[in-house]
Amino acid sequence: MRVKTNLDIIIYDHIVDSLILGEYEMGQTILLDEFAEKYEVSRTPVTQAVRLLANDGLLNLMSNGRVMVPDFDRVQMEKVCDVRLLLEEFAIRKIIDMKQAEDKYYDLLESIAKNGLKALQLADKLEFNKKDLEFHSTLVAACDNEYLVSEYKRIQGKFIVANYLMLPLDKRDFSDAAESHIQLVGALREHNLEKCLTLIKEHIFSFSTPF
């Protein structure tokens, strides 16, 4: 397992932050050397980071050594959200059916949700959106299915590009999204499947329809 402090993981995280912040455009082509210059590192960790990002659906690594940011239109964005909803609904059903999603999972989700809400109250939209991504990946991981986690990571990667590059963060209001995290944890603790499914659908598609 890679250690979080590995250079390729640090660059991976920085590029994800840049995508969330809208610093790139969909369809934009970038040279690996541009990344190396930006982060003041050699090409080796950049190449490793880009391969990880490509595997997770965030970038396309081309044969000529260039990197392309995927290009999504509104219809494709909705399709990405459809798949994301399908996977998260399955995870929620599994968690509730298992009857063993221990309190530690709910406590962890609640902690992430509260930290996200705190970030939003401090006007740190980048941190809130990172907590949003962490919340949903943790939700999926809680149903204890590594294959689902793997598939979800790729669809979440596509979502990052399709969602955050369509409209800048400074034009978005995430207050309802932050509150829905708290509500979802409460519904999970109550094993209220219907409420969970309603909340997750509203949450996912609120992100996909920011206009």
N, C-alpha and C. Protein backbone atom coordinates (compact mmCIF):
# COMPACT_ATOMS: atom_id res chain seq x y z
N MET A 1 0.86 -1.20 0.00
CA MET A 1 0.00 0.00 0.00
C MET A 1 0.89 1.25 0.00
N ARG A 2 0.53 2.24 -0.83
CA ARG A 2 1.29 3.47 -0.88
C ARG A 2 1.05 4.30 0.38
N VAL A 3 2.11 4.94 0.81
CA VAL A 3 1.99 5.87 1.93
C VAL A 3 1.49 7.20 1.41
N LYS A 4 0.64 7.86 2.18
CA LYS A 4 0.01 9.10 1.75
C LYS A 4 1.03 10.15 1.37
N THR A 5 2.22 10.12 2.00
CA THR A 5 3.21 11.14 1.75
C THR A 5 4.00 10.90 0.48
N ASN A 6 3.77 9.80 -0.24
CA ASN A 6 4.46 9.57 -1.49
C ASN A 6 4.18 10.71 -2.45
N LEU A 7 5.19 11.10 -3.21
CA LEU A 7 5.10 12.26 -4.06
C LEU A 7 4.00 12.13 -5.11
N ASP A 8 3.84 10.93 -5.67
CA ASP A 8 2.81 10.77 -6.69
C ASP A 8 1.41 10.98 -6.12
N ILE A 9 1.19 10.58 -4.87
CA ILE A 9 -0.11 10.77 -4.24
C ILE A 9 -0.34 12.24 -3.92
N ILE A 10 0.72 12.94 -3.50
CA ILE A 10 0.60 14.37 -3.23
C ILE A 10 0.23 15.12 -4.50
N ILE A 11 0.88 14.78 -5.62
CA ILE A 11 0.57 15.41 -6.90
C ILE A 11 -0.84 15.04 -7.33
N TYR A 12 -1.21 13.79 -7.15
CA TYR A 12 -2.58 13.33 -7.45
C TYR A 12 -3.59 14.23 -6.73
N ASP A 13 -3.39 14.43 -5.44
CA ASP A 13 -4.32 15.24 -4.65
C ASP A 13 -4.34 16.69 -5.11
N HIS A 14 -3.18 17.23 -5.47
CA HIS A 14 -3.13 18.62 -5.94
C HIS A 14 -3.88 18.78 -7.26
N ILE A 15 -3.76 17.80 -8.14
CA ILE A 15 -4.45 17.89 -9.43
C ILE A 15 -5.96 17.77 -9.22
N VAL A 16 -6.38 16.90 -8.31
CA VAL A 16 -7.81 16.80 -7.99
C VAL A 16 -8.32 18.15 -7.46
N ASP A 17 -7.54 18.77 -6.57
CA ASP A 17 -7.92 20.09 -6.06
C ASP A 17 -8.07 21.09 -7.20
N SER A 18 -7.13 21.05 -8.15
CA SER A 18 -7.18 21.97 -9.28
C SER A 18 -8.42 21.75 -10.13
N LEU A 19 -8.82 20.50 -10.29
CA LEU A 19 -10.03 20.20 -11.05
C LEU A 19 -11.26 20.72 -10.32
N ILE A 20 -11.31 20.49 -9.01
CA ILE A 20 -12.45 20.98 -8.22
C ILE A 20 -12.54 22.51 -8.30
N LEU A 21 -11.39 23.17 -8.29
CA LEU A 21 -11.35 24.62 -8.33
C LEU A 21 -11.58 25.18 -9.73
N GLY A 22 -11.71 24.29 -10.72
CA GLY A 22 -11.98 24.75 -12.08
C GLY A 22 -10.78 25.38 -12.77
N GLU A 23 -9.58 24.96 -12.40
CA GLU A 23 -8.38 25.54 -12.99
C GLU A 23 -8.07 25.00 -14.38
N TYR A 24 -8.75 23.96 -14.77
CA TYR A 24 -8.61 23.41 -16.12
C TYR A 24 -9.96 23.45 -16.82
N GLU A 25 -9.93 23.23 -18.12
CA GLU A 25 -11.16 23.19 -18.90
C GLU A 25 -11.35 21.78 -19.47
N MET A 26 -12.60 21.37 -19.63
CA MET A 26 -12.86 20.08 -20.25
C MET A 26 -12.31 20.08 -21.67
N GLY A 27 -11.64 18.99 -22.02
CA GLY A 27 -11.05 18.87 -23.34
C GLY A 27 -9.67 19.49 -23.45
N GLN A 28 -9.19 20.13 -22.39
CA GLN A 28 -7.88 20.78 -22.42
C GLN A 28 -6.77 19.74 -22.47
N THR A 29 -5.75 20.02 -23.26
CA THR A 29 -4.59 19.13 -23.36
C THR A 29 -3.43 19.74 -22.58
N ILE A 30 -2.75 18.92 -21.80
CA ILE A 30 -1.68 19.39 -20.93
C ILE A 30 -0.46 18.48 -21.12
N LEU A 31 0.72 19.08 -21.18
CA LEU A 31 1.95 18.31 -21.25
C LEU A 31 2.37 17.84 -19.86
N LEU A 32 2.95 16.66 -19.78
CA LEU A 32 3.45 16.19 -18.50
C LEU A 32 4.49 17.14 -17.94
N ASP A 33 5.29 17.75 -18.83
CA ASP A 33 6.30 18.70 -18.39
C ASP A 33 5.67 19.92 -17.73
N GLU A 34 4.46 20.28 -18.14
CA GLU A 34 3.77 21.41 -17.52
C GLU A 34 3.42 21.10 -16.07
N PHE A 35 2.97 19.87 -15.84
CA PHE A 35 2.70 19.44 -14.46
C PHE A 35 4.00 19.43 -13.64
N ALA A 36 5.07 18.90 -14.24
CA ALA A 36 6.35 18.81 -13.53
C ALA A 36 6.85 20.20 -13.15
N GLU A 37 6.68 21.15 -14.08
CA GLU A 37 7.12 22.52 -13.80
C GLU A 37 6.24 23.16 -12.73
N LYS A 38 4.94 22.94 -12.81
CA LYS A 38 4.01 23.54 -11.86
C LYS A 38 4.29 23.07 -10.43
N TYR A 39 4.57 21.77 -10.28
CA TYR A 39 4.76 21.21 -8.94
C TYR A 39 6.24 21.08 -8.56
N GLU A 40 7.12 21.54 -9.47
CA GLU A 40 8.56 21.57 -9.22
C GLU A 40 9.10 20.20 -8.85
N VAL A 41 8.76 19.21 -9.68
CA VAL A 41 9.23 17.84 -9.49
C VAL A 41 9.67 17.28 -10.84
N SER A 42 10.26 16.09 -10.80
CA SER A 42 10.64 15.44 -12.04
C SER A 42 9.41 14.84 -12.72
N ARG A 43 9.60 14.34 -13.93
CA ARG A 43 8.47 13.76 -14.66
C ARG A 43 8.00 12.44 -14.04
N THR A 44 8.89 11.73 -13.34
CA THR A 44 8.55 10.39 -12.85
C THR A 44 7.33 10.40 -11.92
N PRO A 45 7.32 11.18 -10.83
CA PRO A 45 6.12 11.17 -9.98
C PRO A 45 4.89 11.74 -10.69
N VAL A 46 5.11 12.68 -11.63
CA VAL A 46 4.00 13.22 -12.40
C VAL A 46 3.37 12.14 -13.25
N THR A 47 4.22 11.37 -13.94
CA THR A 47 3.72 10.27 -14.77
C THR A 47 2.94 9.27 -13.94
N GLN A 48 3.47 8.93 -12.76
CA GLN A 48 2.77 7.98 -11.88
C GLN A 48 1.43 8.54 -11.41
N ALA A 49 1.43 9.82 -11.05
CA ALA A 49 0.18 10.46 -10.59
C ALA A 49 -0.85 10.49 -11.70
N VAL A 50 -0.42 10.84 -12.91
CA VAL A 50 -1.34 10.93 -14.05
C VAL A 50 -1.91 9.55 -14.39
N ARG A 51 -1.10 8.52 -14.28
CA ARG A 51 -1.60 7.16 -14.53
C ARG A 51 -2.70 6.81 -13.52
N LEU A 52 -2.49 7.17 -12.26
CA LEU A 52 -3.51 6.92 -11.25
C LEU A 52 -4.78 7.71 -11.55
N LEU A 53 -4.60 8.96 -11.94
CA LEU A 53 -5.75 9.81 -12.27
C LEU A 53 -6.50 9.27 -13.48
N ALA A 54 -5.76 8.78 -14.47
CA ALA A 54 -6.40 8.21 -15.65
C ALA A 54 -7.15 6.94 -15.29
N ASN A 55 -6.57 6.13 -14.42
CA ASN A 55 -7.23 4.90 -13.98
C ASN A 55 -8.52 5.20 -13.22
N ASP A 56 -8.54 6.36 -12.54
CA ASP A 56 -9.72 6.74 -11.75
C ASP A 56 -10.70 7.60 -12.54
N GLY A 57 -10.43 7.78 -13.84
CA GLY A 57 -11.38 8.48 -14.70
C GLY A 57 -11.30 9.99 -14.69
N LEU A 58 -10.25 10.56 -14.07
CA LEU A 58 -10.15 12.01 -13.97
C LEU A 58 -9.40 12.64 -15.14
N LEU A 59 -8.47 11.91 -15.74
CA LEU A 59 -7.69 12.41 -16.86
C LEU A 59 -7.56 11.31 -17.91
N ASN A 60 -7.25 11.71 -19.12
CA ASN A 60 -6.95 10.76 -20.19
C ASN A 60 -5.47 10.89 -20.53
N LEU A 61 -4.73 9.80 -20.44
CA LEU A 61 -3.30 9.79 -20.77
C LEU A 61 -3.16 9.33 -22.21
N MET A 62 -2.61 10.20 -23.07
CA MET A 62 -2.51 9.92 -24.49
C MET A 62 -1.15 9.33 -24.83
N SER A 63 -1.09 8.64 -25.96
CA SER A 63 0.12 7.93 -26.35
C SER A 63 1.29 8.87 -26.67
N ASN A 64 1.00 10.11 -27.02
CA ASN A 64 2.06 11.07 -27.36
C ASN A 64 2.63 11.77 -26.13
N GLY A 65 2.26 11.33 -24.94
CA GLY A 65 2.79 11.92 -23.71
C GLY A 65 2.01 13.10 -23.20
N ARG A 66 0.98 13.47 -23.92
CA ARG A 66 0.12 14.56 -23.46
C ARG A 66 -1.00 14.00 -22.57
N VAL A 67 -1.60 14.89 -21.83
CA VAL A 67 -2.70 14.53 -20.94
C VAL A 67 -3.91 15.36 -21.35
N MET A 68 -5.06 14.73 -21.41
CA MET A 68 -6.26 15.46 -21.79
C MET A 68 -7.29 15.37 -20.66
N VAL A 69 -7.88 16.51 -20.36
CA VAL A 69 -8.99 16.53 -19.41
C VAL A 69 -10.23 16.03 -20.15
N PRO A 70 -10.93 15.02 -19.63
CA PRO A 70 -12.13 14.50 -20.31
C PRO A 70 -13.14 15.60 -20.58
N ASP A 71 -13.92 15.40 -21.61
CA ASP A 71 -14.93 16.39 -22.02
C ASP A 71 -16.31 15.77 -21.86
N PHE A 72 -17.15 16.37 -21.05
CA PHE A 72 -18.50 15.87 -20.82
C PHE A 72 -19.51 16.95 -21.18
N ASP A 73 -20.63 16.55 -21.79
CA ASP A 73 -21.72 17.50 -21.98
C ASP A 73 -22.78 17.24 -20.91
N ARG A 74 -23.84 18.01 -20.95
CA ARG A 74 -24.87 17.92 -19.91
C ARG A 74 -25.52 16.53 -19.86
N VAL A 75 -25.78 15.95 -21.04
CA VAL A 75 -26.40 14.62 -21.09
C VAL A 75 -25.48 13.58 -20.46
N GLN A 76 -24.19 13.66 -20.77
CA GLN A 76 -23.23 12.71 -20.20
C GLN A 76 -23.12 12.89 -18.69
N MET A 77 -23.20 14.14 -18.25
CA MET A 77 -23.17 14.42 -16.82
C MET A 77 -24.33 13.72 -16.11
N GLU A 78 -25.50 13.80 -16.70
CA GLU A 78 -26.66 13.15 -16.09
C GLU A 78 -26.50 11.64 -16.06
N LYS A 79 -25.87 11.08 -17.10
CA LYS A 79 -25.63 9.64 -17.13
C LYS A 79 -24.65 9.23 -16.04
N VAL A 80 -23.62 10.05 -15.84
CA VAL A 80 -22.67 9.79 -14.75
C VAL A 80 -23.40 9.78 -13.41
N CYS A 81 -24.30 10.75 -13.22
CA CYS A 81 -25.06 10.83 -11.97
C CYS A 81 -26.02 9.64 -11.82
N ASP A 82 -26.57 9.16 -12.93
CA ASP A 82 -27.44 7.98 -12.89
C ASP A 82 -26.68 6.78 -12.34
N VAL A 83 -25.45 6.60 -12.83
CA VAL A 83 -24.65 5.45 -12.38
C VAL A 83 -24.21 5.65 -10.93
N ARG A 84 -23.82 6.87 -10.61
CA ARG A 84 -23.44 7.15 -9.23
C ARG A 84 -24.60 6.86 -8.29
N LEU A 85 -25.80 7.29 -8.66
CA LEU A 85 -26.98 7.04 -7.83
C LEU A 85 -27.23 5.54 -7.68
N LEU A 86 -27.11 4.80 -8.76
CA LEU A 86 -27.32 3.35 -8.73
C LEU A 86 -26.38 2.69 -7.72
N LEU A 87 -25.12 3.07 -7.75
CA LEU A 87 -24.13 2.47 -6.86
C LEU A 87 -24.36 2.87 -5.41
N GLU A 88 -24.69 4.14 -5.19
CA GLU A 88 -24.90 4.58 -3.81
C GLU A 88 -26.20 4.03 -3.22
N GLU A 89 -27.23 3.92 -4.04
CA GLU A 89 -28.47 3.30 -3.57
C GLU A 89 -28.21 1.84 -3.18
N PHE A 90 -27.44 1.13 -3.99
CA PHE A 90 -27.11 -0.26 -3.66
C PHE A 90 -26.36 -0.32 -2.33
N ALA A 91 -25.39 0.59 -2.15
CA ALA A 91 -24.61 0.60 -0.91
C ALA A 91 -25.51 0.86 0.30
N ILE A 92 -26.44 1.80 0.17
CA ILE A 92 -27.35 2.11 1.28
C ILE A 92 -28.22 0.90 1.61
N ARG A 93 -28.79 0.27 0.58
CA ARG A 93 -29.62 -0.92 0.82
C ARG A 93 -28.80 -2.01 1.52
N LYS A 94 -27.57 -2.19 1.07
CA LYS A 94 -26.72 -3.24 1.64
C LYS A 94 -26.39 -2.93 3.10
N ILE A 95 -26.06 -1.67 3.37
CA ILE A 95 -25.73 -1.27 4.74
C ILE A 95 -26.90 -1.55 5.68
N ILE A 96 -28.09 -1.16 5.26
CA ILE A 96 -29.28 -1.35 6.10
C ILE A 96 -29.63 -2.82 6.23
N ASP A 97 -29.50 -3.58 5.14
CA ASP A 97 -29.80 -5.02 5.18
C ASP A 97 -28.83 -5.78 6.06
N MET A 98 -27.58 -5.34 6.06
CA MET A 98 -26.55 -6.05 6.82
C MET A 98 -26.83 -6.02 8.32
N LYS A 99 -27.51 -4.99 8.78
CA LYS A 99 -27.82 -4.83 10.21
C LYS A 99 -26.54 -4.81 11.04
N GLN A 100 -25.41 -4.57 10.40
CA GLN A 100 -24.16 -4.58 11.15
C GLN A 100 -23.26 -3.42 10.75
N ALA A 101 -23.86 -2.44 10.10
CA ALA A 101 -23.09 -1.23 9.84
C ALA A 101 -22.92 -0.55 11.19
N GLU A 102 -21.85 -0.92 11.84
CA GLU A 102 -21.65 -0.54 13.24
C GLU A 102 -21.68 0.97 13.42
N ASP A 103 -21.91 1.38 14.66
CA ASP A 103 -21.97 2.81 14.96
C ASP A 103 -20.71 3.55 14.52
N LYS A 104 -19.58 2.83 14.47
CA LYS A 104 -18.34 3.51 14.09
C LYS A 104 -18.44 4.07 12.67
N TYR A 105 -19.17 3.38 11.78
CA TYR A 105 -19.34 3.89 10.42
C TYR A 105 -20.23 5.13 10.44
N TYR A 106 -21.30 5.06 11.19
CA TYR A 106 -22.19 6.21 11.28
C TYR A 106 -21.47 7.38 11.94
N ASP A 107 -20.68 7.09 12.96
CA ASP A 107 -19.92 8.14 13.63
C ASP A 107 -18.93 8.78 12.68
N LEU A 108 -18.28 7.96 11.85
CA LEU A 108 -17.31 8.48 10.89
C LEU A 108 -17.99 9.35 9.85
N LEU A 109 -19.11 8.87 9.31
CA LEU A 109 -19.86 9.66 8.33
C LEU A 109 -20.33 10.98 8.94
N GLU A 110 -20.80 10.91 10.18
CA GLU A 110 -21.27 12.12 10.84
C GLU A 110 -20.12 13.11 11.05
N SER A 111 -18.94 12.61 11.40
CA SER A 111 -17.78 13.46 11.60
C SER A 111 -17.39 14.15 10.29
N ILE A 112 -17.38 13.39 9.20
CA ILE A 112 -17.05 13.97 7.90
C ILE A 112 -18.08 15.03 7.52
N ALA A 113 -19.35 14.71 7.73
CA ALA A 113 -20.43 15.65 7.40
C ALA A 113 -20.29 16.94 8.19
N LYS A 114 -20.00 16.84 9.48
CA LYS A 114 -19.88 18.03 10.32
C LYS A 114 -18.66 18.85 9.93
N ASN A 115 -17.56 18.17 9.58
CA ASN A 115 -16.37 18.89 9.13
C ASN A 115 -16.63 19.62 7.81
N GLY A 116 -17.42 18.99 6.95
CA GLY A 116 -17.78 19.62 5.69
C GLY A 116 -18.63 20.86 5.93
N LEU A 117 -19.59 20.74 6.84
CA LEU A 117 -20.46 21.87 7.18
C LEU A 117 -19.64 23.01 7.78
N LYS A 118 -18.68 22.66 8.62
CA LYS A 118 -17.81 23.67 9.23
C LYS A 118 -16.99 24.38 8.16
N ALA A 119 -16.47 23.62 7.20
CA ALA A 119 -15.69 24.23 6.11
C ALA A 119 -16.54 25.21 5.32
N LEU A 120 -17.79 24.84 5.08
CA LEU A 120 -18.68 25.72 4.32
C LEU A 120 -18.99 26.99 5.11
N GLN A 121 -19.15 26.85 6.42
CA GLN A 121 -19.40 28.02 7.27
C GLN A 121 -18.21 28.97 7.26
N LEU A 122 -17.01 28.42 7.01
CA LEU A 122 -15.80 29.23 6.91
C LEU A 122 -15.53 29.69 5.48
N ALA A 123 -16.51 29.43 4.61
CA ALA A 123 -16.43 29.84 3.19
C ALA A 123 -15.31 29.12 2.44
N ASP A 124 -14.95 27.93 2.92
CA ASP A 124 -13.93 27.13 2.24
C ASP A 124 -14.63 26.08 1.38
N LYS A 125 -15.01 26.48 0.17
CA LYS A 125 -15.77 25.58 -0.69
C LYS A 125 -14.93 24.40 -1.19
N LEU A 126 -13.63 24.62 -1.35
CA LEU A 126 -12.77 23.51 -1.77
C LEU A 126 -12.80 22.41 -0.71
N GLU A 127 -12.59 22.79 0.53
CA GLU A 127 -12.56 21.80 1.61
C GLU A 127 -13.92 21.11 1.75
N PHE A 128 -15.01 21.89 1.62
CA PHE A 128 -16.32 21.26 1.70
C PHE A 128 -16.48 20.20 0.63
N ASN A 129 -16.11 20.52 -0.60
CA ASN A 129 -16.29 19.56 -1.68
C ASN A 129 -15.38 18.34 -1.55
N LYS A 130 -14.21 18.52 -0.95
CA LYS A 130 -13.36 17.37 -0.66
C LYS A 130 -14.01 16.48 0.40
N LYS A 131 -14.66 17.12 1.39
CA LYS A 131 -15.37 16.35 2.41
C LYS A 131 -16.60 15.67 1.81
N ASP A 132 -17.24 16.32 0.84
CA ASP A 132 -18.37 15.69 0.15
C ASP A 132 -17.93 14.42 -0.55
N LEU A 133 -16.82 14.49 -1.27
CA LEU A 133 -16.31 13.30 -1.96
C LEU A 133 -15.92 12.21 -0.96
N GLU A 134 -15.31 12.63 0.16
CA GLU A 134 -14.92 11.66 1.19
C GLU A 134 -16.15 11.02 1.82
N PHE A 135 -17.19 11.81 2.05
CA PHE A 135 -18.42 11.30 2.65
C PHE A 135 -19.00 10.18 1.80
N HIS A 136 -19.10 10.42 0.50
CA HIS A 136 -19.75 9.44 -0.37
C HIS A 136 -18.88 8.20 -0.61
N SER A 137 -17.57 8.39 -0.70
CA SER A 137 -16.70 7.21 -0.85
C SER A 137 -16.71 6.38 0.43
N THR A 138 -16.82 7.03 1.59
CA THR A 138 -16.90 6.31 2.87
C THR A 138 -18.23 5.57 2.98
N LEU A 139 -19.30 6.20 2.50
CA LEU A 139 -20.61 5.55 2.49
C LEU A 139 -20.57 4.25 1.69
N VAL A 140 -19.97 4.31 0.52
CA VAL A 140 -19.87 3.12 -0.34
C VAL A 140 -18.98 2.07 0.31
N ALA A 141 -17.87 2.51 0.91
CA ALA A 141 -16.95 1.57 1.54
C ALA A 141 -17.57 0.85 2.73
N ALA A 142 -18.57 1.48 3.35
CA ALA A 142 -19.18 0.91 4.55
C ALA A 142 -19.93 -0.39 4.29
N CYS A 143 -20.29 -0.66 3.03
CA CYS A 143 -21.02 -1.90 2.76
C CYS A 143 -20.08 -3.07 2.52
N ASP A 144 -18.75 -2.82 2.65
CA ASP A 144 -17.76 -3.90 2.68
C ASP A 144 -17.74 -4.72 1.40
N ASN A 145 -17.64 -4.03 0.25
CA ASN A 145 -17.55 -4.70 -1.05
C ASN A 145 -16.48 -3.99 -1.86
N GLU A 146 -15.28 -4.58 -1.91
CA GLU A 146 -14.15 -3.92 -2.55
C GLU A 146 -14.36 -3.72 -4.06
N TYR A 147 -15.17 -4.56 -4.68
CA TYR A 147 -15.43 -4.42 -6.11
C TYR A 147 -16.33 -3.21 -6.37
N LEU A 148 -17.29 -3.02 -5.49
CA LEU A 148 -18.15 -1.84 -5.59
C LEU A 148 -17.33 -0.57 -5.37
N VAL A 149 -16.43 -0.61 -4.40
CA VAL A 149 -15.57 0.55 -4.12
C VAL A 149 -14.74 0.91 -5.34
N SER A 150 -14.18 -0.10 -5.99
CA SER A 150 -13.36 0.13 -7.17
C SER A 150 -14.15 0.77 -8.30
N GLU A 151 -15.34 0.26 -8.56
CA GLU A 151 -16.18 0.82 -9.62
C GLU A 151 -16.65 2.23 -9.26
N TYR A 152 -16.94 2.43 -7.98
CA TYR A 152 -17.42 3.74 -7.54
C TYR A 152 -16.33 4.79 -7.69
N LYS A 153 -15.10 4.41 -7.42
CA LYS A 153 -14.00 5.37 -7.51
C LYS A 153 -13.88 5.93 -8.92
N ARG A 154 -14.09 5.07 -9.92
CA ARG A 154 -14.00 5.53 -11.30
C ARG A 154 -15.16 6.44 -11.66
N ILE A 155 -16.35 6.12 -11.23
CA ILE A 155 -17.49 6.98 -11.57
C ILE A 155 -17.39 8.29 -10.80
N GLN A 156 -16.84 8.25 -9.59
CA GLN A 156 -16.66 9.48 -8.83
C GLN A 156 -15.61 10.37 -9.51
N GLY A 157 -14.59 9.75 -10.11
CA GLY A 157 -13.59 10.51 -10.84
C GLY A 157 -14.20 11.25 -12.02
N LYS A 158 -15.05 10.56 -12.76
CA LYS A 158 -15.74 11.21 -13.88
C LYS A 158 -16.65 12.33 -13.39
N PHE A 159 -17.29 12.10 -12.24
CA PHE A 159 -18.17 13.11 -11.67
C PHE A 159 -17.39 14.37 -11.31
N ILE A 160 -16.19 14.21 -10.77
CA ILE A 160 -15.38 15.36 -10.40
C ILE A 160 -15.15 16.27 -11.60
N VAL A 161 -14.77 15.66 -12.72
CA VAL A 161 -14.51 16.46 -13.93
C VAL A 161 -15.80 17.06 -14.47
N ALA A 162 -16.83 16.22 -14.62
CA ALA A 162 -18.07 16.68 -15.24
C ALA A 162 -18.76 17.74 -14.39
N ASN A 163 -18.72 17.59 -13.09
CA ASN A 163 -19.44 18.51 -12.21
C ASN A 163 -18.69 19.82 -11.99
N TYR A 164 -17.44 19.73 -11.57
CA TYR A 164 -16.75 20.92 -11.12
C TYR A 164 -16.25 21.81 -12.25
N LEU A 165 -16.14 21.27 -13.46
CA LEU A 165 -15.69 22.10 -14.57
C LEU A 165 -16.86 22.72 -15.34
N MET A 166 -18.08 22.38 -14.98
CA MET A 166 -19.24 22.96 -15.65
C MET A 166 -19.60 24.34 -15.11
N LEU A 167 -19.38 24.52 -13.81
CA LEU A 167 -19.72 25.81 -13.20
C LEU A 167 -18.76 26.06 -12.04
N PRO A 168 -18.11 27.22 -12.00
CA PRO A 168 -17.14 27.52 -10.94
C PRO A 168 -17.74 27.43 -9.54
N LEU A 169 -16.89 27.08 -8.58
CA LEU A 169 -17.35 26.95 -7.19
C LEU A 169 -17.92 28.25 -6.65
N ASP A 170 -17.36 29.38 -7.07
CA ASP A 170 -17.81 30.65 -6.50
C ASP A 170 -19.22 31.04 -6.95
N LYS A 171 -19.78 30.29 -7.90
CA LYS A 171 -21.15 30.54 -8.34
C LYS A 171 -22.12 29.49 -7.81
N ARG A 172 -21.64 28.68 -6.88
CA ARG A 172 -22.45 27.57 -6.39
C ARG A 172 -22.79 27.76 -4.91
N ASP A 173 -23.96 27.29 -4.54
CA ASP A 173 -24.40 27.31 -3.15
C ASP A 173 -24.53 25.86 -2.68
N PHE A 174 -23.70 25.47 -1.71
CA PHE A 174 -23.67 24.08 -1.25
C PHE A 174 -24.33 23.88 0.10
N SER A 175 -25.06 24.88 0.58
CA SER A 175 -25.64 24.79 1.92
C SER A 175 -26.62 23.63 2.05
N ASP A 176 -27.47 23.41 1.05
CA ASP A 176 -28.42 22.30 1.11
C ASP A 176 -27.69 20.96 1.07
N ALA A 177 -26.63 20.89 0.26
CA ALA A 177 -25.85 19.65 0.16
C ALA A 177 -25.21 19.31 1.50
N ALA A 178 -24.68 20.32 2.17
CA ALA A 178 -24.04 20.10 3.48
C ALA A 178 -25.05 19.58 4.50
N GLU A 179 -26.22 20.17 4.50
CA GLU A 179 -27.26 19.76 5.45
C GLU A 179 -27.77 18.36 5.14
N SER A 180 -27.83 18.01 3.86
CA SER A 180 -28.35 16.69 3.49
C SER A 180 -27.44 15.56 3.97
N HIS A 181 -26.12 15.84 4.10
CA HIS A 181 -25.21 14.84 4.67
C HIS A 181 -25.64 14.49 6.09
N ILE A 182 -25.91 15.53 6.89
CA ILE A 182 -26.33 15.33 8.27
C ILE A 182 -27.64 14.54 8.34
N GLN A 183 -28.57 14.91 7.48
CA GLN A 183 -29.87 14.24 7.45
C GLN A 183 -29.73 12.78 7.04
N LEU A 184 -28.83 12.52 6.10
CA LEU A 184 -28.64 11.14 5.63
C LEU A 184 -28.09 10.24 6.72
N VAL A 185 -27.15 10.75 7.49
CA VAL A 185 -26.61 9.96 8.60
C VAL A 185 -27.72 9.63 9.59
N GLY A 186 -28.57 10.61 9.88
CA GLY A 186 -29.68 10.37 10.80
C GLY A 186 -30.63 9.31 10.28
N ALA A 187 -30.92 9.35 8.99
CA ALA A 187 -31.81 8.35 8.39
C ALA A 187 -31.18 6.97 8.40
N LEU A 188 -29.86 6.91 8.22
CA LEU A 188 -29.16 5.62 8.27
C LEU A 188 -29.23 5.04 9.68
N ARG A 189 -29.01 5.88 10.67
CA ARG A 189 -29.08 5.40 12.07
C ARG A 189 -30.48 4.86 12.38
N GLU A 190 -31.49 5.44 11.77
CA GLU A 190 -32.88 5.01 11.99
C GLU A 190 -33.26 3.82 11.10
N HIS A 191 -32.35 3.43 10.20
CA HIS A 191 -32.64 2.37 9.22
C HIS A 191 -33.88 2.72 8.39
N ASN A 192 -34.01 3.99 8.09
CA ASN A 192 -35.14 4.48 7.29
C ASN A 192 -34.74 4.48 5.82
N LEU A 193 -34.95 3.34 5.17
CA LEU A 193 -34.49 3.17 3.80
C LEU A 193 -35.12 4.18 2.85
N GLU A 194 -36.42 4.35 2.94
CA GLU A 194 -37.12 5.26 2.03
C GLU A 194 -36.57 6.68 2.13
N LYS A 195 -36.35 7.15 3.35
CA LYS A 195 -35.82 8.50 3.53
C LYS A 195 -34.40 8.59 3.00
N CYS A 196 -33.59 7.55 3.24
CA CYS A 196 -32.21 7.53 2.73
C CYS A 196 -32.18 7.65 1.21
N LEU A 197 -33.03 6.87 0.54
CA LEU A 197 -33.04 6.86 -0.92
C LEU A 197 -33.51 8.20 -1.47
N THR A 198 -34.47 8.82 -0.81
CA THR A 198 -34.94 10.14 -1.24
C THR A 198 -33.84 11.18 -1.09
N LEU A 199 -33.17 11.14 0.04
CA LEU A 199 -32.11 12.12 0.32
C LEU A 199 -30.93 11.97 -0.65
N ILE A 200 -30.53 10.73 -0.91
CA ILE A 200 -29.36 10.53 -1.76
C ILE A 200 -29.65 10.94 -3.20
N LYS A 201 -30.86 10.70 -3.66
CA LYS A 201 -31.23 11.10 -5.03
C LYS A 201 -31.26 12.61 -5.15
N GLU A 202 -31.89 13.27 -4.20
CA GLU A 202 -31.96 14.73 -4.22
C GLU A 202 -30.56 15.33 -4.15
N HIS A 203 -29.72 14.74 -3.32
CA HIS A 203 -28.35 15.25 -3.13
C HIS A 203 -27.54 15.14 -4.42
N ILE A 204 -27.53 13.97 -5.01
CA ILE A 204 -26.72 13.74 -6.21
C ILE A 204 -27.16 14.62 -7.35
N PHE A 205 -28.46 14.72 -7.55
CA PHE A 205 -28.93 15.50 -8.69
C PHE A 205 -28.97 17.00 -8.41
N SER A 206 -28.83 17.39 -7.15
CA SER A 206 -28.65 18.83 -6.88
C SER A 206 -27.28 19.29 -7.36
N PHE A 207 -26.31 18.38 -7.31
CA PHE A 207 -24.98 18.69 -7.81
C PHE A 207 -24.98 18.73 -9.35
N SER A 208 -25.79 17.89 -9.96
CA SER A 208 -25.76 17.80 -11.42
C SER A 208 -26.59 18.88 -12.11
N THR A 209 -27.38 19.63 -11.31
CA THR A 209 -28.21 20.68 -11.91
C THR A 209 -27.98 22.00 -11.20
N PRO A 210 -26.76 22.53 -11.28
CA PRO A 210 -26.43 23.74 -10.54
C PRO A 210 -26.89 25.02 -11.22
N PHE A 211 -27.44 24.94 -12.43
CA PHE A 211 -27.75 26.15 -13.18
C PHE A 211 -29.13 26.68 -12.82
